[in-house]
């Protein structure tokens, strides 16, 4: 990796969704900020800015990374893939996106780009995951709307697993299990 001076802007370039992009970045500029504000790839969302919520997940050289924990200069010369690359040029959704649509796996959609990017990477490495494996990957994402059941069903359907809609998710009163559980059964960590 090249050395950069903390007080200077550095010209960086990489491949974004199959096309070359370049721009100037301060040494401490985050990849999310470079994507959104320098090259205009606004599909990558910024949530917690601490690597916890997963909204900013993108692929670098095919591997899922948190864009808010990655410096823009670290992408120099690499291949970055964002949510904008998943649909075909004519706007047709890919199989995973279609499954999300069919299984009501999104509501507000804020977390959806990051979740789709994580599963794009994961399904490339493990094309037929179990429900427990899906929940493990999903445990790295916070979704405040869906209760996760539709997301699990969508990934199962996209991977050729059961495409049946899971049972209704119910709230657990008084849970203190933490934010990843979202206080509901059917959350990624609760297993049910």
Protein backbone atom coordinates (compact mmCIF):
# COMPACT_ATOMS: atom_id res chain seq x y z
CA UNK A 1 0.00 0.00 0.00
CA UNK A 2 1.34 3.43 -0.86
CA UNK A 3 2.35 5.91 1.80
CA UNK A 4 0.20 9.02 2.07
CA UNK A 5 0.71 12.27 3.89
CA UNK A 6 -2.03 13.01 6.40
CA UNK A 7 -2.22 16.66 5.34
CA UNK A 8 -2.53 16.10 1.58
CA UNK A 9 -5.24 14.93 -0.75
CA UNK A 10 -4.27 11.86 -2.74
CA UNK A 11 -5.49 10.87 -6.18
CA UNK A 12 -6.83 7.32 -6.02
CA UNK A 13 -8.35 5.11 -8.64
CA UNK A 14 -10.08 1.75 -8.67
CA UNK A 15 -12.64 -0.22 -10.60
CA UNK A 16 -16.18 0.48 -9.40
CA UNK A 17 -18.84 -1.90 -10.69
CA UNK A 18 -16.75 -2.70 -13.74
CA UNK A 19 -15.68 0.82 -14.70
CA UNK A 20 -12.61 2.83 -13.76
CA UNK A 21 -13.17 5.71 -11.34
CA UNK A 22 -10.76 8.18 -9.78
CA UNK A 23 -10.91 11.06 -7.38
CA UNK A 24 -9.06 12.94 -4.69
CA UNK A 25 -9.28 11.83 -1.09
CA UNK A 26 -7.77 12.90 2.18
CA UNK A 27 -5.80 10.10 3.80
CA UNK A 28 -8.49 9.58 6.46
CA UNK A 29 -11.49 9.68 4.10
CA UNK A 30 -13.68 6.61 4.49
CA UNK A 31 -14.57 4.48 1.49
CA UNK A 32 -18.28 5.17 2.14
CA UNK A 33 -17.70 8.92 1.89
CA UNK A 34 -15.59 8.52 -1.26
CA UNK A 35 -18.26 6.34 -2.89
CA UNK A 36 -21.14 8.64 -1.98
CA UNK A 37 -19.59 12.09 -2.27
CA UNK A 38 -16.74 11.77 -4.77
CA UNK A 39 -17.99 9.22 -7.31
CA UNK A 40 -21.74 9.44 -6.66
CA UNK A 41 -22.45 5.79 -5.78
CA UNK A 42 -25.14 6.64 -3.23
CA UNK A 43 -26.63 3.14 -2.96
CA UNK A 44 -24.10 2.37 -0.23
CA UNK A 45 -25.68 3.63 2.98
CA UNK A 46 -24.03 4.93 6.12
CA UNK A 47 -25.59 3.94 9.42
CA UNK A 48 -23.59 3.60 12.62
CA UNK A 49 -20.14 4.52 11.23
CA UNK A 50 -18.65 1.94 13.63
CA UNK A 51 -18.92 -1.27 11.58
CA UNK A 52 -21.81 -2.61 13.64
CA UNK A 53 -24.98 -2.15 11.56
CA UNK A 54 -23.72 -3.49 8.21
CA UNK A 55 -25.50 -0.85 6.08
CA UNK A 56 -22.25 0.14 4.38
CA UNK A 57 -21.19 -3.34 3.25
CA UNK A 58 -19.56 -3.43 -0.18
CA UNK A 59 -17.36 -5.96 -1.94
CA UNK A 60 -13.64 -5.38 -2.47
CA UNK A 61 -12.14 -7.94 -4.81
CA UNK A 62 -15.26 -10.04 -4.20
CA UNK A 63 -15.08 -10.06 -0.38
CA UNK A 64 -17.62 -8.27 1.81
CA UNK A 65 -16.15 -5.39 3.83
CA UNK A 66 -17.54 -2.57 5.91
CA UNK A 67 -17.13 0.62 3.91
CA UNK A 68 -17.20 2.73 7.07
CA UNK A 69 -14.15 0.90 8.44
CA UNK A 70 -12.19 1.02 5.18
CA UNK A 71 -10.18 4.01 4.08
CA UNK A 72 -10.71 5.13 0.50
CA UNK A 73 -6.96 4.87 -0.17
CA UNK A 74 -7.17 1.16 0.69
CA UNK A 75 -9.30 0.61 -2.42
CA UNK A 76 -6.54 1.92 -4.73
CA UNK A 77 -6.18 -0.39 -7.73
CA UNK A 78 -8.81 -2.85 -6.51
CA UNK A 79 -12.26 -3.89 -7.70
CA UNK A 80 -15.10 -2.42 -5.63
CA UNK A 81 -18.66 -3.66 -6.11
CA UNK A 82 -21.67 -1.84 -4.70
CA UNK A 83 -25.42 -2.43 -4.73
CA UNK A 84 -25.67 -0.54 -8.03
CA UNK A 85 -24.00 -3.52 -9.77
CA UNK A 86 -26.49 -6.22 -8.71
CA UNK A 87 -29.29 -5.46 -11.16
CA UNK A 88 -28.61 -5.92 -14.86
CA UNK A 89 -28.12 -2.83 -17.06
CA UNK A 90 -31.77 -2.99 -18.17
CA UNK A 91 -32.88 -2.76 -14.52
CA UNK A 92 -33.83 -6.42 -14.12
CA UNK A 93 -33.25 -7.59 -10.57
CA UNK A 94 -30.91 -10.51 -9.93
CA UNK A 95 -32.20 -13.71 -8.27
CA UNK A 96 -31.36 -12.56 -4.73
CA UNK A 97 -33.08 -9.19 -5.22
CA UNK A 98 -36.13 -10.93 -6.70
CA UNK A 99 -36.28 -13.25 -3.70
CA UNK A 100 -36.16 -10.24 -1.36
CA UNK A 101 -39.07 -8.76 -3.27
CA UNK A 102 -41.12 -11.98 -3.24
CA UNK A 103 -40.56 -12.68 0.46
CA UNK A 104 -41.08 -9.12 1.71
CA UNK A 105 -37.51 -9.07 3.00
CA UNK A 106 -37.36 -5.29 3.18
CA UNK A 107 -39.48 -2.46 4.41
CA UNK A 108 -37.74 0.90 4.68
CA UNK A 109 -34.81 -0.50 2.67
CA UNK A 110 -32.05 1.35 4.50
CA UNK A 111 -30.21 -1.82 5.57
CA UNK A 112 -31.02 -3.76 2.39
CA UNK A 113 -28.01 -2.78 0.23
CA UNK A 114 -25.56 -3.97 2.88
CA UNK A 115 -27.46 -7.21 3.48
CA UNK A 116 -27.64 -7.93 -0.24
CA UNK A 117 -23.90 -7.33 -0.62
CA UNK A 118 -23.05 -9.61 2.31
CA UNK A 119 -25.17 -12.40 0.87
CA UNK A 120 -23.80 -11.83 -2.64
CA UNK A 121 -20.35 -12.61 -1.22
CA UNK A 122 -21.57 -15.44 1.03
CA UNK A 123 -23.64 -17.23 -1.61
CA UNK A 124 -20.70 -17.08 -4.02
CA UNK A 125 -18.69 -19.03 -1.43
CA UNK A 126 -21.51 -21.19 -0.05
CA UNK A 127 -24.31 -21.51 -2.63
CA UNK A 128 -26.53 -23.74 -0.48
CA UNK A 129 -26.42 -22.44 3.10
CA UNK A 130 -28.47 -23.78 5.95
CA UNK A 131 -30.88 -21.55 7.83
CA UNK A 132 -28.41 -21.39 10.73
CA UNK A 133 -25.62 -20.27 8.38
CA UNK A 134 -27.89 -17.57 6.94
CA UNK A 135 -28.73 -16.37 10.44
CA UNK A 136 -25.02 -16.28 11.31
CA UNK A 137 -24.27 -13.99 8.33
CA UNK A 138 -27.34 -11.91 9.11
CA UNK A 139 -26.20 -11.43 12.71
CA UNK A 140 -23.74 -8.85 11.36
CA UNK A 141 -26.60 -6.62 10.19
CA UNK A 142 -29.17 -4.56 12.01
CA UNK A 143 -32.64 -4.26 10.51
CA UNK A 144 -35.17 -2.33 12.54
CA UNK A 145 -38.18 -3.07 10.32
CA UNK A 146 -38.48 -6.64 9.12
CA UNK A 147 -37.88 -8.93 12.08
CA UNK A 148 -35.47 -10.85 9.79
CA UNK A 149 -37.86 -13.74 8.95
CA UNK A 150 -38.47 -12.53 5.39
CA UNK A 151 -34.74 -12.02 4.84
CA UNK A 152 -33.97 -15.59 5.91
CA UNK A 153 -36.76 -16.91 3.67
CA UNK A 154 -35.50 -14.85 0.73
CA UNK A 155 -31.93 -16.09 1.03
CA UNK A 156 -33.14 -19.68 1.39
CA UNK A 157 -35.28 -19.26 -1.73
CA UNK A 158 -32.47 -17.63 -3.72
CA UNK A 159 -30.12 -20.45 -2.79
CA UNK A 160 -32.58 -23.19 -3.69
CA UNK A 161 -33.63 -23.94 -0.12
CA UNK A 162 -37.16 -23.82 1.22
CA UNK A 163 -39.07 -20.93 -0.29
CA UNK A 164 -41.96 -21.10 2.15
CA UNK A 165 -42.62 -17.96 4.15
CA UNK A 166 -41.63 -18.52 7.80
CA UNK A 167 -44.14 -18.26 10.61
CA UNK A 168 -45.16 -14.88 11.99
CA UNK A 169 -42.54 -13.18 14.12
CA UNK A 170 -43.62 -12.26 17.63
CA UNK A 171 -42.19 -9.78 20.10
CA UNK A 172 -40.40 -10.98 23.23
CA UNK A 173 -41.32 -8.72 26.12
CA UNK A 174 -38.49 -7.43 28.29
CA UNK A 175 -35.60 -9.03 26.44
CA UNK A 176 -32.14 -7.72 27.29
CA UNK A 177 -30.30 -9.75 24.65
CA UNK A 178 -28.80 -6.77 22.81
CA UNK A 179 -29.35 -4.87 19.61
CA UNK A 180 -28.52 -7.78 17.28
CA UNK A 181 -31.52 -9.66 18.60
CA UNK A 182 -33.78 -6.69 17.94
CA UNK A 183 -35.98 -7.98 20.77
CA UNK A 184 -37.92 -10.47 18.63
CA UNK A 185 -38.04 -14.16 18.12
CA UNK A 186 -37.06 -14.93 14.58
CA UNK A 187 -34.11 -12.54 14.82
CA UNK A 188 -30.82 -13.76 13.35
CA UNK A 189 -29.42 -14.89 16.68
CA UNK A 190 -32.51 -16.33 18.32
CA UNK A 191 -32.83 -19.20 15.87
CA UNK A 192 -36.59 -19.15 15.90
